[in-house]
Amino acid sequence: MNSVVAKLTSKGQLTLPKPVRDRLKLDKGSYIAIYLENNQIVMKKVDPQKPLSDADPIWDMAGMFHSGGGCEGRADSREGKTKSVREAVGWKPSL
């Protein structure tokens, strides 16, 4: 694909050209990661993952394998306080 020029608005916004949107299958609500690399702006399509549901069987296995960390089944044991694996990874049930 050849390069295409896009013009910034006064608010710093730009419209991705239609050929780019079509090729990457970007629609309203799509996510794009934007970062700088060697003084260039790089954009990549991001496909967000659905959060695990409360019924996902992986939660039954969380913490059952010894990782060598000395605190099986727990992700944090500072000052006698412990967190479950779900709490440590910030898991929240889907709505």
PDB file of N, CA and C in Angstrom:
ATOM      1  N   MET A   1       0.853  -1.175   0.000  1.00  0.00           N
ATOM      2  CA  MET A   1       0.000   0.000   0.000  1.00  0.00           C
ATOM      3  C   MET A   1       0.895   1.232   0.000  1.00  0.00           C
ATOM      4  N   ASN A   2       0.594   2.171  -0.846  1.00  0.00           N
ATOM      5  CA  ASN A   2       1.344   3.428  -0.909  1.00  0.00           C
ATOM      6  C   ASN A   2       0.993   4.297   0.282  1.00  0.00           C
ATOM      7  N   SER A   3       1.873   5.249   0.590  1.00  0.00           N
ATOM      8  CA  SER A   3       1.594   6.145   1.708  1.00  0.00           C
ATOM      9  C   SER A   3       0.474   7.107   1.343  1.00  0.00           C
ATOM     10  N   VAL A   4      -0.249   7.552   2.365  1.00  0.00           N
ATOM     11  CA  VAL A   4      -1.352   8.472   2.199  1.00  0.00           C
ATOM     12  C   VAL A   4      -1.155   9.590   3.217  1.00  0.00           C
ATOM     13  N   VAL A   5      -1.464  10.804   2.834  1.00  0.00           N
ATOM     14  CA  VAL A   5      -1.310  11.943   3.728  1.00  0.00           C
ATOM     15  C   VAL A   5      -2.645  12.248   4.387  1.00  0.00           C
ATOM     16  N   ALA A   6      -2.607  12.456   5.699  1.00  0.00           N
ATOM     17  CA  ALA A   6      -3.799  12.834   6.445  1.00  0.00           C
ATOM     18  C   ALA A   6      -3.511  14.159   7.142  1.00  0.00           C
ATOM     19  N   LYS A   7      -4.503  15.022   7.235  1.00  0.00           N
ATOM     20  CA  LYS A   7      -4.335  16.346   7.819  1.00  0.00           C
ATOM     21  C   LYS A   7      -4.924  16.377   9.229  1.00  0.00           C
ATOM     22  N   LEU A   8      -4.169  16.927  10.181  1.00  0.00           N
ATOM     23  CA  LEU A   8      -4.642  17.055  11.556  1.00  0.00           C
ATOM     24  C   LEU A   8      -5.638  18.191  11.675  1.00  0.00           C
ATOM     25  N   THR A   9      -6.637  18.014  12.535  1.00  0.00           N
ATOM     26  CA  THR A   9      -7.577  19.090  12.845  1.00  0.00           C
ATOM     27  C   THR A   9      -6.950  19.986  13.917  1.00  0.00           C
ATOM     28  N   SER A  10      -7.644  21.054  14.275  1.00  0.00           N
ATOM     29  CA  SER A  10      -7.137  21.961  15.312  1.00  0.00           C
ATOM     30  C   SER A  10      -7.036  21.271  16.670  1.00  0.00           C
ATOM     31  N   LYS A  11      -7.759  20.177  16.856  1.00  0.00           N
ATOM     32  CA  LYS A  11      -7.707  19.418  18.106  1.00  0.00           C
ATOM     33  C   LYS A  11      -6.696  18.273  18.042  1.00  0.00           C
ATOM     34  N   GLY A  12      -5.925  18.175  16.980  1.00  0.00           N
ATOM     35  CA  GLY A  12      -4.935  17.114  16.852  1.00  0.00           C
ATOM     36  C   GLY A  12      -5.503  15.793  16.382  1.00  0.00           C
ATOM     37  N   GLN A  13      -6.725  15.799  15.870  1.00  0.00           N
ATOM     38  CA  GLN A  13      -7.359  14.573  15.405  1.00  0.00           C
ATOM     39  C   GLN A  13      -7.071  14.370  13.920  1.00  0.00           C
ATOM     40  N   LEU A  14      -7.142  13.132  13.485  1.00  0.00           N
ATOM     41  CA  LEU A  14      -7.016  12.843  12.058  1.00  0.00           C
ATOM     42  C   LEU A  14      -7.947  11.703  11.698  1.00  0.00           C
ATOM     43  N   THR A  15      -8.277  11.633  10.442  1.00  0.00           N
ATOM     44  CA  THR A  15      -9.111  10.540   9.930  1.00  0.00           C
ATOM     45  C   THR A  15      -8.212   9.564   9.207  1.00  0.00           C
ATOM     46  N   LEU A  16      -8.295   8.294   9.606  1.00  0.00           N
ATOM     47  CA  LEU A  16      -7.538   7.281   8.882  1.00  0.00           C
ATOM     48  C   LEU A  16      -8.173   7.117   7.500  1.00  0.00           C
ATOM     49  N   PRO A  17      -7.374   7.155   6.458  1.00  0.00           N
ATOM     50  CA  PRO A  17      -7.927   7.014   5.110  1.00  0.00           C
ATOM     51  C   PRO A  17      -8.688   5.695   4.944  1.00  0.00           C
ATOM     52  N   LYS A  18      -9.726   5.728   4.151  1.00  0.00           N
ATOM     53  CA  LYS A  18     -10.592   4.562   3.949  1.00  0.00           C
ATOM     54  C   LYS A  18      -9.825   3.319   3.500  1.00  0.00           C
ATOM     55  N   PRO A  19      -8.857   3.417   2.586  1.00  0.00           N
ATOM     56  CA  PRO A  19      -8.127   2.200   2.204  1.00  0.00           C
ATOM     57  C   PRO A  19      -7.410   1.535   3.389  1.00  0.00           C
ATOM     58  N   VAL A  20      -6.916   2.349   4.325  1.00  0.00           N
ATOM     59  CA  VAL A  20      -6.258   1.800   5.511  1.00  0.00           C
ATOM     60  C   VAL A  20      -7.286   1.133   6.413  1.00  0.00           C
ATOM     61  N   ARG A  21      -8.405   1.807   6.663  1.00  0.00           N
ATOM     62  CA  ARG A  21      -9.467   1.229   7.491  1.00  0.00           C
ATOM     63  C   ARG A  21      -9.979  -0.068   6.897  1.00  0.00           C
ATOM     64  N   ASP A  22     -10.184  -0.079   5.591  1.00  0.00           N
ATOM     65  CA  ASP A  22     -10.692  -1.285   4.928  1.00  0.00           C
ATOM     66  C   ASP A  22      -9.704  -2.441   5.034  1.00  0.00           C
ATOM     67  N   ARG A  23      -8.435  -2.160   4.784  1.00  0.00           N
ATOM     68  CA  ARG A  23      -7.439  -3.230   4.789  1.00  0.00           C
ATOM     69  C   ARG A  23      -7.277  -3.851   6.173  1.00  0.00           C
ATOM     70  N   LEU A  24      -7.371  -3.015   7.226  1.00  0.00           N
ATOM     71  CA  LEU A  24      -7.223  -3.520   8.590  1.00  0.00           C
ATOM     72  C   LEU A  24      -8.552  -3.892   9.236  1.00  0.00           C
ATOM     73  N   LYS A  25      -9.632  -3.732   8.491  1.00  0.00           N
ATOM     74  CA  LYS A  25     -10.979  -4.018   9.000  1.00  0.00           C
ATOM     75  C   LYS A  25     -11.262  -3.232  10.283  1.00  0.00           C
ATOM     76  N   LEU A  26     -11.008  -1.926  10.222  1.00  0.00           N
ATOM     77  CA  LEU A  26     -11.262  -1.031  11.341  1.00  0.00           C
ATOM     78  C   LEU A  26     -12.634  -0.406  11.177  1.00  0.00           C
ATOM     79  N   ASP A  27     -13.457  -0.532  12.201  1.00  0.00           N
ATOM     80  CA  ASP A  27     -14.796   0.039  12.205  1.00  0.00           C
ATOM     81  C   ASP A  27     -14.926   0.958  13.407  1.00  0.00           C
ATOM     82  N   LYS A  28     -16.084   1.580  13.535  1.00  0.00           N
ATOM     83  CA  LYS A  28     -16.367   2.407  14.701  1.00  0.00           C
ATOM     84  C   LYS A  28     -16.162   1.559  15.957  1.00  0.00           C
ATOM     85  N   GLY A  29     -15.415   2.092  16.911  1.00  0.00           N
ATOM     86  CA  GLY A  29     -15.156   1.380  18.157  1.00  0.00           C
ATOM     87  C   GLY A  29     -13.903   0.521  18.132  1.00  0.00           C
ATOM     88  N   SER A  30     -13.215   0.433  17.002  1.00  0.00           N
ATOM     89  CA  SER A  30     -11.973  -0.338  16.928  1.00  0.00           C
ATOM     90  C   SER A  30     -10.888   0.363  17.747  1.00  0.00           C
ATOM     91  N   TYR A  31      -9.925  -0.410  18.208  1.00  0.00           N
ATOM     92  CA  TYR A  31      -8.822   0.129  18.995  1.00  0.00           C
ATOM     93  C   TYR A  31      -7.536   0.133  18.189  1.00  0.00           C
ATOM     94  N   ILE A  32      -6.729   1.173  18.413  1.00  0.00           N
ATOM     95  CA  ILE A  32      -5.435   1.300  17.753  1.00  0.00           C
ATOM     96  C   ILE A  32      -4.409   1.701  18.806  1.00  0.00           C
ATOM     97  N   ALA A  33      -3.293   0.987  18.878  1.00  0.00           N
ATOM     98  CA  ALA A  33      -2.188   1.365  19.759  1.00  0.00           C
ATOM     99  C   ALA A  33      -1.313   2.357  19.001  1.00  0.00           C
ATOM    100  N   ILE A  34      -0.924   3.427  19.675  1.00  0.00           N
ATOM    101  CA  ILE A  34      -0.099   4.463  19.053  1.00  0.00           C
ATOM    102  C   ILE A  34       1.131   4.670  19.929  1.00  0.00           C
ATOM    103  N   TYR A  35       2.307   4.604  19.312  1.00  0.00           N
ATOM    104  CA  TYR A  35       3.538   4.831  20.067  1.00  0.00           C
ATOM    105  C   TYR A  35       4.598   5.416  19.153  1.00  0.00           C
ATOM    106  N   LEU A  36       5.655   5.932  19.772  1.00  0.00           N
ATOM    107  CA  LEU A  36       6.768   6.502  19.022  1.00  0.00           C
ATOM    108  C   LEU A  36       7.879   5.473  18.920  1.00  0.00           C
ATOM    109  N   GLU A  37       8.483   5.398  17.752  1.00  0.00           N
ATOM    110  CA  GLU A  37       9.607   4.492  17.523  1.00  0.00           C
ATOM    111  C   GLU A  37      10.589   5.203  16.603  1.00  0.00           C
ATOM    112  N   ASN A  38      11.777   5.481  17.128  1.00  0.00           N
ATOM    113  CA  ASN A  38      12.801   6.187  16.346  1.00  0.00           C
ATOM    114  C   ASN A  38      12.256   7.466  15.718  1.00  0.00           C
ATOM    115  N   ASN A  39      11.608   8.281  16.521  1.00  0.00           N
ATOM    116  CA  ASN A  39      11.071   9.576  16.088  1.00  0.00           C
ATOM    117  C   ASN A  39      10.001   9.450  15.001  1.00  0.00           C
ATOM    118  N   GLN A  40       9.316   8.312  14.961  1.00  0.00           N
ATOM    119  CA  GLN A  40       8.209   8.104  14.033  1.00  0.00           C
ATOM    120  C   GLN A  40       6.979   7.668  14.822  1.00  0.00           C
ATOM    121  N   ILE A  41       5.809   8.028  14.342  1.00  0.00           N
ATOM    122  CA  ILE A  41       4.561   7.584  14.945  1.00  0.00           C
ATOM    123  C   ILE A  41       4.206   6.234  14.327  1.00  0.00           C
ATOM    124  N   VAL A  42       3.949   5.249  15.184  1.00  0.00           N
ATOM    125  CA  VAL A  42       3.576   3.916  14.724  1.00  0.00           C
ATOM    126  C   VAL A  42       2.193   3.607  15.287  1.00  0.00           C
ATOM    127  N   MET A  43       1.309   3.094  14.442  1.00  0.00           N
ATOM    128  CA  MET A  43      -0.034   2.711  14.864  1.00  0.00           C
ATOM    129  C   MET A  43      -0.255   1.249  14.517  1.00  0.00           C
ATOM    130  N   LYS A  44      -0.848   0.517  15.460  1.00  0.00           N
ATOM    131  CA  LYS A  44      -1.153  -0.893  15.232  1.00  0.00           C
ATOM    132  C   LYS A  44      -2.568  -1.189  15.691  1.00  0.00           C
ATOM    133  N   LYS A  45      -3.246  -2.025  14.943  1.00  0.00           N
ATOM    134  CA  LYS A  45      -4.581  -2.462  15.322  1.00  0.00           C
ATOM    135  C   LYS A  45      -4.483  -3.321  16.579  1.00  0.00           C
ATOM    136  N   VAL A  46      -5.418  -3.106  17.502  1.00  0.00           N
ATOM    137  CA  VAL A  46      -5.457  -3.872  18.751  1.00  0.00           C
ATOM    138  C   VAL A  46      -6.765  -4.634  18.791  1.00  0.00           C
ATOM    139  N   ASP A  47      -6.677  -5.921  19.039  1.00  0.00           N
ATOM    140  CA  ASP A  47      -7.871  -6.746  19.204  1.00  0.00           C
ATOM    141  C   ASP A  47      -8.030  -7.052  20.685  1.00  0.00           C
ATOM    142  N   PRO A  48      -8.904  -6.306  21.391  1.00  0.00           N
ATOM    143  CA  PRO A  48      -9.058  -6.544  22.829  1.00  0.00           C
ATOM    144  C   PRO A  48      -9.606  -7.937  23.103  1.00  0.00           C
ATOM    145  N   GLN A  49      -9.153  -8.512  24.207  1.00  0.00           N
ATOM    146  CA  GLN A  49      -9.606  -9.834  24.612  1.00  0.00           C
ATOM    147  C   GLN A  49     -10.792  -9.692  25.555  1.00  0.00           C
ATOM    148  N   LYS A  50     -11.736 -10.602  25.435  1.00  0.00           N
ATOM    149  CA  LYS A  50     -12.867 -10.607  26.355  1.00  0.00           C
ATOM    150  C   LYS A  50     -12.376 -11.052  27.728  1.00  0.00           C
ATOM    151  N   PRO A  51     -12.885 -10.432  28.796  1.00  0.00           N
ATOM    152  CA  PRO A  51     -12.478 -10.877  30.133  1.00  0.00           C
ATOM    153  C   PRO A  51     -13.035 -12.264  30.428  1.00  0.00           C
ATOM    154  N   LEU A  52     -12.342 -12.956  31.303  1.00  0.00           N
ATOM    155  CA  LEU A  52     -12.817 -14.281  31.694  1.00  0.00           C
ATOM    156  C   LEU A  52     -14.090 -14.151  32.509  1.00  0.00           C
ATOM    157  N   SER A  53     -15.011 -15.053  32.287  1.00  0.00           N
ATOM    158  CA  SER A  53     -16.241 -15.045  33.076  1.00  0.00           C
ATOM    159  C   SER A  53     -15.987 -15.737  34.411  1.00  0.00           C
ATOM    160  N   ASP A  54     -16.857 -15.504  35.359  1.00  0.00           N
ATOM    161  CA  ASP A  54     -16.733 -16.128  36.671  1.00  0.00           C
ATOM    162  C   ASP A  54     -16.805 -17.646  36.561  1.00  0.00           C
ATOM    163  N   ALA A  55     -17.477 -18.153  35.533  1.00  0.00           N
ATOM    164  CA  ALA A  55     -17.644 -19.598  35.366  1.00  0.00           C
ATOM    165  C   ALA A  55     -16.495 -20.251  34.601  1.00  0.00           C
ATOM    166  N   ASP A  56     -15.507 -19.475  34.158  1.00  0.00           N
ATOM    167  CA  ASP A  56     -14.406 -20.040  33.383  1.00  0.00           C
ATOM    168  C   ASP A  56     -13.643 -21.054  34.239  1.00  0.00           C
ATOM    169  N   PRO A  57     -13.443 -22.280  33.738  1.00  0.00           N
ATOM    170  CA  PRO A  57     -12.800 -23.327  34.532  1.00  0.00           C
ATOM    171  C   PRO A  57     -11.337 -23.040  34.875  1.00  0.00           C
ATOM    172  N   ILE A  58     -10.704 -22.076  34.230  1.00  0.00           N
ATOM    173  CA  ILE A  58      -9.307 -21.777  34.540  1.00  0.00           C
ATOM    174  C   ILE A  58      -9.160 -21.314  35.983  1.00  0.00           C
ATOM    175  N   TRP A  59     -10.198 -20.667  36.538  1.00  0.00           N
ATOM    176  CA  TRP A  59     -10.112 -20.185  37.914  1.00  0.00           C
ATOM    177  C   TRP A  59      -9.994 -21.343  38.908  1.00  0.00           C
ATOM    178  N   ASP A  60     -10.528 -22.515  38.561  1.00  0.00           N
ATOM    179  CA  ASP A  60     -10.416 -23.674  39.454  1.00  0.00           C
ATOM    180  C   ASP A  60      -8.975 -24.165  39.546  1.00  0.00           C
ATOM    181  N   MET A  61      -8.169 -23.847  38.539  1.00  0.00           N
ATOM    182  CA  MET A  61      -6.777 -24.294  38.525  1.00  0.00           C
ATOM    183  C   MET A  61      -5.818 -23.236  39.039  1.00  0.00           C
ATOM    184  N   ALA A  62      -6.263 -21.999  39.194  1.00  0.00           N
ATOM    185  CA  ALA A  62      -5.377 -20.924  39.628  1.00  0.00           C
ATOM    186  C   ALA A  62      -4.764 -21.247  40.979  1.00  0.00           C
ATOM    187  N   GLY A  63      -3.431 -21.217  41.031  1.00  0.00           N
ATOM    188  CA  GLY A  63      -2.715 -21.438  42.272  1.00  0.00           C
ATOM    189  C   GLY A  63      -2.469 -22.884  42.635  1.00  0.00           C
ATOM    190  N   MET A  64      -2.898 -23.817  41.809  1.00  0.00           N
ATOM    191  CA  MET A  64      -2.738 -25.218  42.187  1.00  0.00           C
ATOM    192  C   MET A  64      -1.364 -25.782  41.829  1.00  0.00           C
ATOM    193  N   PHE A  65      -0.571 -25.057  41.036  1.00  0.00           N
ATOM    194  CA  PHE A  65       0.750 -25.537  40.647  1.00  0.00           C
ATOM    195  C   PHE A  65       1.813 -24.723  41.367  1.00  0.00           C
ATOM    196  N   HIS A  66       2.827 -25.387  41.875  1.00  0.00           N
ATOM    197  CA  HIS A  66       3.903 -24.713  42.592  1.00  0.00           C
ATOM    198  C   HIS A  66       4.830 -24.046  41.587  1.00  0.00           C
ATOM    199  N   SER A  67       5.037 -22.735  41.757  1.00  0.00           N
ATOM    200  CA  SER A  67       5.879 -21.999  40.823  1.00  0.00           C
ATOM    201  C   SER A  67       7.269 -21.751  41.372  1.00  0.00           C
ATOM    202  N   GLY A  68       7.530 -22.225  42.589  1.00  0.00           N
ATOM    203  CA  GLY A  68       8.832 -21.989  43.195  1.00  0.00           C
ATOM    204  C   GLY A  68       8.892 -20.688  43.961  1.00  0.00           C
ATOM    205  N   GLY A  69       7.798 -19.945  43.988  1.00  0.00           N
ATOM    206  CA  GLY A  69       7.777 -18.673  44.684  1.00  0.00           C
ATOM    207  C   GLY A  69       7.562 -18.804  46.176  1.00  0.00           C
ATOM    208  N   GLY A  70       7.220 -19.986  46.653  1.00  0.00           N
ATOM    209  CA  GLY A  70       7.064 -20.203  48.070  1.00  0.00           C
ATOM    210  C   GLY A  70       5.714 -19.809  48.629  1.00  0.00           C
ATOM    211  N   CYS A  71       4.795 -19.403  47.789  1.00  0.00           N
ATOM    212  CA  CYS A  71       3.490 -18.953  48.283  1.00  0.00           C
ATOM    213  C   CYS A  71       2.413 -19.524  47.375  1.00  0.00           C
ATOM    214  N   GLU A  72       2.247 -20.829  47.431  1.00  0.00           N
ATOM    215  CA  GLU A  72       1.321 -21.486  46.519  1.00  0.00           C
ATOM    216  C   GLU A  72      -0.096 -20.959  46.656  1.00  0.00           C
ATOM    217  N   GLY A  73      -0.706 -20.673  45.513  1.00  0.00           N
ATOM    218  CA  GLY A  73      -2.097 -20.255  45.483  1.00  0.00           C
ATOM    219  C   GLY A  73      -2.307 -18.796  45.832  1.00  0.00           C
ATOM    220  N   ARG A  74      -1.254 -18.105  46.160  1.00  0.00           N
ATOM    221  CA  ARG A  74      -1.383 -16.700  46.526  1.00  0.00           C
ATOM    222  C   ARG A  74      -0.418 -15.868  45.699  1.00  0.00           C
ATOM    223  N   ALA A  75      -0.844 -14.658  45.345  1.00  0.00           N
ATOM    224  CA  ALA A  75      -0.014 -13.788  44.532  1.00  0.00           C
ATOM    225  C   ALA A  75       0.720 -12.752  45.369  1.00  0.00           C
ATOM    226  N   ASP A  76       0.317 -12.552  46.632  1.00  0.00           N
ATOM    227  CA  ASP A  76       0.933 -11.536  47.462  1.00  0.00           C
ATOM    228  C   ASP A  76       0.810 -11.956  48.924  1.00  0.00           C
ATOM    229  N   SER A  77       1.919 -11.957  49.642  1.00  0.00           N
ATOM    230  CA  SER A  77       1.841 -12.366  51.040  1.00  0.00           C
ATOM    231  C   SER A  77       2.526 -11.368  51.965  1.00  0.00           C
ATOM    232  N   ARG A  78       2.599 -10.107  51.595  1.00  0.00           N
ATOM    233  CA  ARG A  78       3.238  -9.093  52.429  1.00  0.00           C
ATOM    234  C   ARG A  78       2.467  -8.905  53.730  1.00  0.00           C
ATOM    235  N   GLU A  79       3.211  -8.802  54.840  1.00  0.00           N
ATOM    236  CA  GLU A  79       2.671  -8.495  56.157  1.00  0.00           C
ATOM    237  C   GLU A  79       1.510  -9.414  56.547  1.00  0.00           C
ATOM    238  N   GLY A  80       1.562 -10.670  56.128  1.00  0.00           N
ATOM    239  CA  GLY A  80       0.532 -11.612  56.513  1.00  0.00           C
ATOM    240  C   GLY A  80      -0.769 -11.456  55.757  1.00  0.00           C
ATOM    241  N   LYS A  81      -0.860 -10.456  54.907  1.00  0.00           N
ATOM    242  CA  LYS A  81      -2.070 -10.267  54.112  1.00  0.00           C
ATOM    243  C   LYS A  81      -1.902 -11.046  52.825  1.00  0.00           C
ATOM    244  N   THR A  82      -2.942 -11.716  52.416  1.00  0.00           N
ATOM    245  CA  THR A  82      -2.862 -12.472  51.176  1.00  0.00           C
ATOM    246  C   THR A  82      -3.960 -12.031  50.230  1.00  0.00           C
ATOM    247  N   LYS A  83      -3.672 -12.178  48.963  1.00  0.00           N
ATOM    248  CA  LYS A  83      -4.649 -11.881  47.916  1.00  0.00           C
ATOM    249  C   LYS A  83      -4.847 -13.139  47.106  1.00  0.00           C
ATOM    250  N   SER A  84      -6.070 -13.358  46.697  1.00  0.00           N
ATOM    251  CA  SER A  84      -6.307 -14.477  45.800  1.00  0.00           C
ATOM    252  C   SER A  84      -5.743 -14.114  44.433  1.00  0.00           C
ATOM    253  N   VAL A  85      -5.575 -15.099  43.598  1.00  0.00           N
ATOM    254  CA  VAL A  85      -5.069 -14.852  42.254  1.00  0.00           C
ATOM    255  C   VAL A  85      -6.002 -13.901  41.513  1.00  0.00           C
ATOM    256  N   ARG A  86      -7.313 -14.063  41.693  1.00  0.00           N
ATOM    257  CA  ARG A  86      -8.273 -13.188  41.023  1.00  0.00           C
ATOM    258  C   ARG A  86      -8.071 -11.734  41.441  1.00  0.00           C
ATOM    259  N   GLU A  87      -7.860 -11.500  42.749  1.00  0.00           N
ATOM    260  CA  GLU A  87      -7.649 -10.136  43.225  1.00  0.00           C
ATOM    261  C   GLU A  87      -6.341  -9.572  42.702  1.00  0.00           C
ATOM    262  N   ALA A  88      -5.298 -10.381  42.680  1.00  0.00           N
ATOM    263  CA  ALA A  88      -3.974  -9.921  42.265  1.00  0.00           C
ATOM    264  C   ALA A  88      -3.937  -9.495  40.808  1.00  0.00           C
ATOM    265  N   VAL A  89      -4.691 -10.163  39.950  1.00  0.00           N
ATOM    266  CA  VAL A  89      -4.678  -9.811  38.529  1.00  0.00           C
ATOM    267  C   VAL A  89      -5.755  -8.792  38.180  1.00  0.00           C
ATOM    268  N   GLY A  90      -6.517  -8.356  39.179  1.00  0.00           N
ATOM    269  CA  GLY A  90      -7.540  -7.339  38.940  1.00  0.00           C
ATOM    270  C   GLY A  90      -8.758  -7.859  38.217  1.00  0.00           C
ATOM    271  N   TRP A  91      -9.042  -9.131  38.357  1.00  0.00           N
ATOM    272  CA  TRP A  91     -10.170  -9.737  37.660  1.00  0.00           C
ATOM    273  C   TRP A  91     -11.472  -9.184  38.204  1.00  0.00           C
ATOM    274  N   LYS A  92     -12.387  -8.894  37.301  1.00  0.00           N
ATOM    275  CA  LYS A  92     -13.732  -8.472  37.678  1.00  0.00           C
ATOM    276  C   LYS A  92     -14.722  -9.285  36.858  1.00  0.00           C
ATOM    277  N   PRO A  93     -15.834  -9.690  37.461  1.00  0.00           N
ATOM    278  CA  PRO A  93     -16.808 -10.484  36.697  1.00  0.00           C
ATOM    279  C   PRO A  93     -17.410  -9.659  35.569  1.00  0.00           C
ATOM    280  N   SER A  94     -17.721 -10.317  34.478  1.00  0.00           N
ATOM    281  CA  SER A  94     -18.330  -9.618  33.358  1.00  0.00           C
ATOM    282  C   SER A  94     -19.780  -9.274  33.702  1.00  0.00           C
ATOM    283  N   LEU A  95     -20.253  -8.178  33.117  1.00  0.00           N
ATOM    284  CA  LEU A  95     -21.606  -7.698  33.436  1.00  0.00           C
ATOM    285  C   LEU A  95     -22.635  -8.388  32.596  1.00  0.00           C
TER     286      LEU A  95
END
